PDB file of N, CA and C in Angstrom:
ATOM      1  N   UNK A   1     140.907  64.769  73.284  1.00  0.00           N
ATOM      2  CA  UNK A   1     139.500  64.883  73.600  1.00  0.00           C
ATOM      3  C   UNK A   1     139.289  65.974  74.656  1.00  0.00           C
ATOM      4  N   UNK A   2     139.055  67.132  74.196  1.00  0.00           N
ATOM      5  CA  UNK A   2     138.855  68.239  75.117  1.00  0.00           C
ATOM      6  C   UNK A   2     137.373  68.400  75.490  1.00  0.00           C
ATOM      7  N   UNK A   3     136.516  67.678  74.861  1.00  0.00           N
ATOM      8  CA  UNK A   3     135.085  67.802  75.123  1.00  0.00           C
ATOM      9  C   UNK A   3     134.718  67.452  76.570  1.00  0.00           C
ATOM     10  N   UNK A   4     135.206  66.363  77.153  1.00  0.00           N
ATOM     11  CA  UNK A   4     134.813  66.057  78.532  1.00  0.00           C
ATOM     12  C   UNK A   4     135.255  67.131  79.524  1.00  0.00           C
ATOM     13  N   UNK A   5     136.446  67.672  79.382  1.00  0.00           N
ATOM     14  CA  UNK A   5     136.887  68.707  80.322  1.00  0.00           C
ATOM     15  C   UNK A   5     136.062  69.984  80.139  1.00  0.00           C
ATOM     16  N   UNK A   6     135.730  70.291  78.918  1.00  0.00           N
ATOM     17  CA  UNK A   6     134.885  71.457  78.671  1.00  0.00           C
ATOM     18  C   UNK A   6     133.506  71.238  79.283  1.00  0.00           C
ATOM     19  N   UNK A   7     133.010  70.034  79.125  1.00  0.00           N
ATOM     20  CA  UNK A   7     131.702  69.712  79.671  1.00  0.00           C
ATOM     21  C   UNK A   7     131.731  69.821  81.198  1.00  0.00           C
ATOM     22  N   UNK A   8     132.793  69.350  81.818  1.00  0.00           N
ATOM     23  CA  UNK A   8     132.917  69.450  83.279  1.00  0.00           C
ATOM     24  C   UNK A   8     132.987  70.894  83.732  1.00  0.00           C
ATOM     25  N   UNK A   9     133.726  71.698  83.011  1.00  0.00           N
ATOM     26  CA  UNK A   9     133.820  73.115  83.357  1.00  0.00           C
ATOM     27  C   UNK A   9     132.457  73.796  83.192  1.00  0.00           C
ATOM     28  N   UNK A  10     131.742  73.455  82.166  1.00  0.00           N
ATOM     29  CA  UNK A  10     130.408  74.009  81.947  1.00  0.00           C
ATOM     30  C   UNK A  10     129.487  73.667  83.119  1.00  0.00           C
ATOM     31  N   UNK A  11     129.526  72.398  83.551  1.00  0.00           N
ATOM     32  CA  UNK A  11     128.682  71.981  84.672  1.00  0.00           C
ATOM     33  C   UNK A  11     129.041  72.764  85.931  1.00  0.00           C
ATOM     34  N   UNK A  12     130.345  72.970  86.168  1.00  0.00           N
ATOM     35  CA  UNK A  12     130.761  73.741  87.345  1.00  0.00           C
ATOM     36  C   UNK A  12     130.257  75.180  87.260  1.00  0.00           C
ATOM     37  N   UNK A  13     130.348  75.755  86.077  1.00  0.00           N
ATOM     38  CA  UNK A  13     129.874  77.130  85.910  1.00  0.00           C
ATOM     39  C   UNK A  13     128.369  77.220  86.141  1.00  0.00           C
ATOM     40  N   UNK A  14     127.639  76.255  85.603  1.00  0.00           N
ATOM     41  CA  UNK A  14     126.189  76.254  85.769  1.00  0.00           C
ATOM     42  C   UNK A  14     125.839  76.088  87.240  1.00  0.00           C
ATOM     43  N   UNK A  15     126.523  75.161  87.907  1.00  0.00           N
ATOM     44  CA  UNK A  15     126.265  74.938  89.328  1.00  0.00           C
ATOM     45  C   UNK A  15     126.569  76.202  90.128  1.00  0.00           C
ATOM     46  N   UNK A  16     127.688  76.834  89.834  1.00  0.00           N
ATOM     47  CA  UNK A  16     128.076  78.067  90.523  1.00  0.00           C
ATOM     48  C   UNK A  16     127.024  79.157  90.270  1.00  0.00           C
ATOM     49  N   UNK A  17     126.593  79.274  89.035  1.00  0.00           N
ATOM     50  CA  UNK A  17     125.586  80.276  88.679  1.00  0.00           C
ATOM     51  C   UNK A  17     124.283  80.029  89.438  1.00  0.00           C
ATOM     52  N   UNK A  18     123.821  78.784  89.453  1.00  0.00           N
ATOM     53  CA  UNK A  18     122.562  78.456  90.133  1.00  0.00           C
ATOM     54  C   UNK A  18     122.662  78.740  91.628  1.00  0.00           C
ATOM     55  N   UNK A  19     123.798  78.366  92.212  1.00  0.00           N
ATOM     56  CA  UNK A  19     123.981  78.612  93.635  1.00  0.00           C
ATOM     57  C   UNK A  19     123.946  80.112  93.930  1.00  0.00           C
ATOM     58  N   UNK A  20     124.664  80.871  93.137  1.00  0.00           N
ATOM     59  CA  UNK A  20     124.708  82.323  93.334  1.00  0.00           C
ATOM     60  C   UNK A  20     123.321  82.933  93.128  1.00  0.00           C
ATOM     61  N   UNK A  21     122.605  82.438  92.169  1.00  0.00           N
ATOM     62  CA  UNK A  21     121.260  82.942  91.881  1.00  0.00           C
ATOM     63  C   UNK A  21     120.320  82.678  93.048  1.00  0.00           C
ATOM     64  N   UNK A  22     120.379  81.470  93.605  1.00  0.00           N
ATOM     65  CA  UNK A  22     119.544  81.144  94.764  1.00  0.00           C
ATOM     66  C   UNK A  22     119.886  82.051  95.946  1.00  0.00           C
ATOM     67  N   UNK A  23     121.180  82.244  96.160  1.00  0.00           N
ATOM     68  CA  UNK A  23     121.623  83.070  97.276  1.00  0.00           C
ATOM     69  C   UNK A  23     121.150  84.510  97.094  1.00  0.00           C
ATOM     70  N   UNK A  24     121.330  85.040  95.911  1.00  0.00           N
ATOM     71  CA  UNK A  24     120.906  86.397  95.612  1.00  0.00           C
ATOM     72  C   UNK A  24     119.396  86.527  95.735  1.00  0.00           C
ATOM     73  N   UNK A  25     118.684  85.533  95.223  1.00  0.00           N
ATOM     74  CA  UNK A  25     117.230  85.573  95.288  1.00  0.00           C
ATOM     75  C   UNK A  25     116.760  85.565  96.738  1.00  0.00           C
ATOM     76  N   UNK A  26     117.444  84.796  97.580  1.00  0.00           N
ATOM     77  CA  UNK A  26     117.105  84.762  99.003  1.00  0.00           C
ATOM     78  C   UNK A  26     117.269  86.125  99.649  1.00  0.00           C
ATOM     79  N   UNK A  27     118.369  86.817  99.302  1.00  0.00           N
ATOM     80  CA  UNK A  27     118.579  88.157  99.834  1.00  0.00           C
ATOM     81  C   UNK A  27     117.496  89.108  99.357  1.00  0.00           C
ATOM     82  N   UNK A  28     117.121  88.960  98.099  1.00  0.00           N
ATOM     83  CA  UNK A  28     116.092  89.837  97.548  1.00  0.00           C
ATOM     84  C   UNK A  28     114.771  89.616  98.258  1.00  0.00           C
ATOM     85  N   UNK A  29     114.429  88.352  98.520  1.00  0.00           N
ATOM     86  CA  UNK A  29     113.187  88.066  99.240  1.00  0.00           C
ATOM     87  C   UNK A  29     113.223  88.649 100.639  1.00  0.00           C
ATOM     88  N   UNK A  30     114.364  88.530 101.320  1.00  0.00           N
ATOM     89  CA  UNK A  30     114.485  89.074 102.674  1.00  0.00           C
ATOM     90  C   UNK A  30     114.334  90.594 102.662  1.00  0.00           C
ATOM     91  N   UNK A  31     114.937  91.245 101.684  1.00  0.00           N
ATOM     92  CA  UNK A  31     114.795  92.699 101.569  1.00  0.00           C
ATOM     93  C   UNK A  31     113.339  93.084 101.345  1.00  0.00           C
ATOM     94  N   UNK A  32     112.665  92.332 100.503  1.00  0.00           N
ATOM     95  CA  UNK A  32     111.259  92.623 100.226  1.00  0.00           C
ATOM     96  C   UNK A  32     110.418  92.459 101.492  1.00  0.00           C
ATOM     97  N   UNK A  33     110.721  91.432 102.272  1.00  0.00           N
ATOM     98  CA  UNK A  33     110.005  91.235 103.544  1.00  0.00           C
ATOM     99  C   UNK A  33     110.236  92.424 104.472  1.00  0.00           C
ATOM    100  N   UNK A  34     111.480  92.891 104.547  1.00  0.00           N
ATOM    101  CA  UNK A  34     111.792  94.034 105.399  1.00  0.00           C
ATOM    102  C   UNK A  34     111.042  95.284 104.928  1.00  0.00           C
ATOM    103  N   UNK A  35     111.016  95.490 103.628  1.00  0.00           N
ATOM    104  CA  UNK A  35     110.284  96.645 103.090  1.00  0.00           C
ATOM    105  C   UNK A  35     108.803  96.550 103.428  1.00  0.00           C
ATOM    106  N   UNK A  36     108.254  95.363 103.308  1.00  0.00           N
ATOM    107  CA  UNK A  36     106.833  95.171 103.617  1.00  0.00           C
ATOM    108  C   UNK A  36     106.570  95.471 105.092  1.00  0.00           C
ATOM    109  N   UNK A  37     107.461  94.997 105.965  1.00  0.00           N
ATOM    110  CA  UNK A  37     107.298  95.284 107.401  1.00  0.00           C
ATOM    111  C   UNK A  37     107.348  96.786 107.652  1.00  0.00           C
ATOM    112  N   UNK A  38     108.281  97.469 107.007  1.00  0.00           N
ATOM    113  CA  UNK A  38     108.399  98.911 107.180  1.00  0.00           C
ATOM    114  C   UNK A  38     107.136  99.623 106.699  1.00  0.00           C
ATOM    115  N   UNK A  39     106.613  99.183 105.555  1.00  0.00           N
ATOM    116  CA  UNK A  39     105.379  99.787 105.040  1.00  0.00           C
ATOM    117  C   UNK A  39     104.241  99.606 106.036  1.00  0.00           C
ATOM    118  N   UNK A  40     104.114  98.395 106.577  1.00  0.00           N
ATOM    119  CA  UNK A  40     103.044  98.127 107.529  1.00  0.00           C
ATOM    120  C   UNK A  40     103.193  98.992 108.780  1.00  0.00           C
ATOM    121  N   UNK A  41     104.432  99.126 109.275  1.00  0.00           N
ATOM    122  CA  UNK A  41     104.661  99.957 110.456  1.00  0.00           C
ATOM    123  C   UNK A  41     104.301 101.411 110.167  1.00  0.00           C
ATOM    124  N   UNK A  42     104.679 101.901 108.997  1.00  0.00           N
ATOM    125  CA  UNK A  42     104.369 103.284 108.641  1.00  0.00           C
ATOM    126  C   UNK A  42     102.863 103.486 108.544  1.00  0.00           C
ATOM    127  N   UNK A  43     102.160 102.526 107.958  1.00  0.00           N
ATOM    128  CA  UNK A  43     100.710 102.633 107.841  1.00  0.00           C
ATOM    129  C   UNK A  43     100.065 102.648 109.224  1.00  0.00           C
ATOM    130  N   UNK A  44     100.545 101.793 110.126  1.00  0.00           N
ATOM    131  CA  UNK A  44     100.002 101.774 111.479  1.00  0.00           C
ATOM    132  C   UNK A  44     100.235 103.107 112.178  1.00  0.00           C
ATOM    133  N   UNK A  45     101.428 103.662 112.026  1.00  0.00           N
ATOM    134  CA  UNK A  45     101.732 104.954 112.643  1.00  0.00           C
ATOM    135  C   UNK A  45     100.823 106.039 112.082  1.00  0.00           C
ATOM    136  N   UNK A  46     100.615 106.036 110.772  1.00  0.00           N
ATOM    137  CA  UNK A  46      99.744 107.036 110.156  1.00  0.00           C
ATOM    138  C   UNK A  46      98.319 106.906 110.675  1.00  0.00           C
ATOM    139  N   UNK A  47      97.838 105.662 110.798  1.00  0.00           N
ATOM    140  CA  UNK A  47      96.489 105.448 111.304  1.00  0.00           C
ATOM    141  C   UNK A  47      96.370 105.946 112.739  1.00  0.00           C
ATOM    142  N   UNK A  48      97.380 105.671 113.562  1.00  0.00           N
ATOM    143  CA  UNK A  48      97.354 106.144 114.942  1.00  0.00           C
ATOM    144  C   UNK A  48      97.334 107.671 114.994  1.00  0.00           C
ATOM    145  N   UNK A  49      98.152 108.307 114.150  1.00  0.00           N
ATOM    146  CA  UNK A  49      98.182 109.767 114.119  1.00  0.00           C
ATOM    147  C   UNK A  49      96.830 110.330 113.696  1.00  0.00           C
ATOM    148  N   UNK A  50      96.212 109.713 112.702  1.00  0.00           N
ATOM    149  CA  UNK A  50      94.904 110.179 112.246  1.00  0.00           C
ATOM    150  C   UNK A  50      93.871 110.029 113.349  1.00  0.00           C
ATOM    151  N   UNK A  51      93.917 108.909 114.065  1.00  0.00           N
ATOM    152  CA  UNK A  51      92.975 108.698 115.160  1.00  0.00           C
ATOM    153  C   UNK A  51      93.179 109.747 116.249  1.00  0.00           C
ATOM    154  N   UNK A  52      94.435 110.044 116.572  1.00  0.00           N
ATOM    155  CA  UNK A  52      94.709 111.055 117.589  1.00  0.00           C
ATOM    156  C   UNK A  52      94.195 112.420 117.151  1.00  0.00           C
ATOM    157  N   UNK A  53      94.405 112.757 115.883  1.00  0.00           N
ATOM    158  CA  UNK A  53      93.930 114.042 115.370  1.00  0.00           C
ATOM    159  C   UNK A  53      92.412 114.113 115.433  1.00  0.00           C
ATOM    160  N   UNK A  54      91.740 113.017 115.080  1.00  0.00           N
ATOM    161  CA  UNK A  54      90.282 113.000 115.132  1.00  0.00           C
ATOM    162  C   UNK A  54      89.798 113.172 116.566  1.00  0.00           C
ATOM    163  N   UNK A  55      90.462 112.508 117.503  1.00  0.00           N
ATOM    164  CA  UNK A  55      90.069 112.639 118.909  1.00  0.00           C
ATOM    165  C   UNK A  55      90.262 114.070 119.384  1.00  0.00           C
ATOM    166  N   UNK A  56      91.370 114.689 119.002  1.00  0.00           N
ATOM    167  CA  UNK A  56      91.618 116.073 119.397  1.00  0.00           C
ATOM    168  C   UNK A  56      90.557 116.997 118.818  1.00  0.00           C
ATOM    169  N   UNK A  57      90.195 116.784 117.569  1.00  0.00           N
ATOM    170  CA  UNK A  57      89.171 117.618 116.937  1.00  0.00           C
ATOM    171  C   UNK A  57      87.834 117.443 117.638  1.00  0.00           C
ATOM    172  N   UNK A  58      87.495 116.211 117.990  1.00  0.00           N
ATOM    173  CA  UNK A  58      86.236 115.964 118.693  1.00  0.00           C
ATOM    174  C   UNK A  58      86.235 116.662 120.052  1.00  0.00           C
ATOM    175  N   UNK A  59      87.357 116.596 120.756  1.00  0.00           N
ATOM    176  CA  UNK A  59      87.451 117.252 122.056  1.00  0.00           C
ATOM    177  C   UNK A  59      87.298 118.758 121.906  1.00  0.00           C
ATOM    178  N   UNK A  60      87.932 119.323 120.900  1.00  0.00           N
ATOM    179  CA  UNK A  60      87.825 120.766 120.669  1.00  0.00           C
ATOM    180  C   UNK A  60      86.382 121.148 120.350  1.00  0.00           C
ATOM    181  N   UNK A  61      85.708 120.354 119.531  1.00  0.00           N
ATOM    182  CA  UNK A  61      84.320 120.641 119.199  1.00  0.00           C
ATOM    183  C   UNK A  61      83.446 120.574 120.434  1.00  0.00           C
ATOM    184  N   UNK A  62      83.675 119.577 121.280  1.00  0.00           N
ATOM    185  CA  UNK A  62      82.894 119.453 122.510  1.00  0.00           C
ATOM    186  C   UNK A  62      83.132 120.646 123.420  1.00  0.00           C
ATOM    187  N   UNK A  63      84.382 121.098 123.522  1.00  0.00           N
ATOM    188  CA  UNK A  63      84.691 122.255 124.355  1.00  0.00           C
ATOM    189  C   UNK A  63      83.995 123.498 123.823  1.00  0.00           C
ATOM    190  N   UNK A  64      84.003 123.660 122.495  1.00  0.00           N
ATOM    191  CA  UNK A  64      83.335 124.817 121.898  1.00  0.00           C
ATOM    192  C   UNK A  64      81.841 124.775 122.161  1.00  0.00           C
ATOM    193  N   UNK A  65      81.248 123.592 122.039  1.00  0.00           N
ATOM    194  CA  UNK A  65      79.814 123.470 122.300  1.00  0.00           C
ATOM    195  C   UNK A  65      79.501 123.790 123.759  1.00  0.00           C
ATOM    196  N   UNK A  66      80.358 123.328 124.670  1.00  0.00           N
ATOM    197  CA  UNK A  66      80.145 123.614 126.091  1.00  0.00           C
ATOM    198  C   UNK A  66      80.259 125.108 126.360  1.00  0.00           C
ATOM    199  N   UNK A  67      81.212 125.763 125.696  1.00  0.00           N
ATOM    200  CA  UNK A  67      81.370 127.199 125.875  1.00  0.00           C
ATOM    201  C   UNK A  67      80.145 127.937 125.361  1.00  0.00           C
ATOM    202  N   UNK A  68      79.622 127.502 124.213  1.00  0.00           N
ATOM    203  CA  UNK A  68      78.433 128.142 123.648  1.00  0.00           C
ATOM    204  C   UNK A  68      77.243 127.938 124.562  1.00  0.00           C
ATOM    205  N   UNK A  69      77.062 126.736 125.057  1.00  0.00           N
ATOM    206  CA  UNK A  69      75.948 126.440 125.965  1.00  0.00           C
ATOM    207  C   UNK A  69      76.109 127.217 127.265  1.00  0.00           C
ATOM    208  N   UNK A  70      77.342 127.259 127.772  1.00  0.00           N
ATOM    209  CA  UNK A  70      77.612 127.983 129.016  1.00  0.00           C
ATOM    210  C   UNK A  70      77.348 129.468 128.840  1.00  0.00           C
ATOM    211  N   UNK A  71      77.662 130.021 127.705  1.00  0.00           N
ATOM    212  CA  UNK A  71      77.461 131.448 127.435  1.00  0.00           C
ATOM    213  C   UNK A  71      75.991 131.790 127.344  1.00  0.00           C
ATOM    214  N   UNK A  72      75.188 130.897 126.822  1.00  0.00           N
ATOM    215  CA  UNK A  72      73.759 131.146 126.674  1.00  0.00           C
ATOM    216  C   UNK A  72      73.069 131.129 128.026  1.00  0.00           C
ATOM    217  N   UNK A  73      73.503 130.277 128.913  1.00  0.00           N
ATOM    218  CA  UNK A  73      72.861 130.160 130.217  1.00  0.00           C
ATOM    219  C   UNK A  73      73.228 131.317 131.129  1.00  0.00           C
ATOM    220  N   UNK A  74      74.348 131.985 130.887  1.00  0.00           N
ATOM    221  CA  UNK A  74      74.720 133.079 131.767  1.00  0.00           C
ATOM    222  C   UNK A  74      74.000 134.297 131.396  1.00  0.00           C
TER     223      UNK A  74
END
């Protein structure tokens, strides 16, 4: 009767497969979380850079307007 031993081996293989699958899936989820964090950090950095550029442009425009006004009064 080789059926019971085959059945036991099958159960062990299935258990091993399920365990490995859960472990692998956990790693995949962790990697995805890390990627999401990186994306969020990059987006925040880009937004900060855009805000800084806008502020610099506004300052330059204000300086130009002051120069134009100053030139007219002289």
